[in-house]
Amino acid sequence: MIARTPRLILRRLAVSDAALIQPLADNLEVAKQTANLPFPYGEVEARNFVDQAMRAHDMGKELVYAIITRRDAALVGLIGLVVDVAPIEVGYWLGQDYWGHGYASEALQAIQNYSRETLCIRRMDAVVFDDNAASIRVLNKCGFQYQDSWEEDLPHRGGKRIIQRHQWRAA
């Protein structure tokens, strides 16, 4: 466990998480707000993702954590840091049933605290599609500031999409 909040626990991924991630990620509404989550998302994709994420964690490239509710120990989504880039980049997604409950903000604040206090990170970026108003609100609530935008052709996400970069700096 790397963080505990009033409602959540952030912990390192386990092999058994693949079975919990798969049904959450196999949702077009979730996938279309991410740049890389494949759709459909089957058991093979989930197992491969967990395996790759665990290897990347061991190599110090990416740190991916399960977002778990303290109330019922449900895995509700993932949050992670790409640490082999500068500035470090944070990304997250939640299963659709868990949208609108404040979990993303709570998990992001926890990862910011962990990053600042344990990893000595003073700055991090987040990228988001410009039409993802909910995620932009989460970033703003957590102190991220808009930096810039650009257009990318993402055929697997419907073609050209506008991407925004937001940045957080530790106080």
Foldseek 3Di string as FASTA:
>chain_A
DLFDDPWKDWDADDLVCLVQVQVLLCDPVQVLFDQDRDHNGDSVNSNVVSVVQVVCVVVVQKTKIFIATPVPRHGFWMKMWGVVDPPIEIDITGRPVPPPPCSLLRVVLRVVCSCCPPVVRFKYKYKTFPPPVSVVVSCVVNAWAWDDKDWDARVSNPGITIMTMTMHGHD
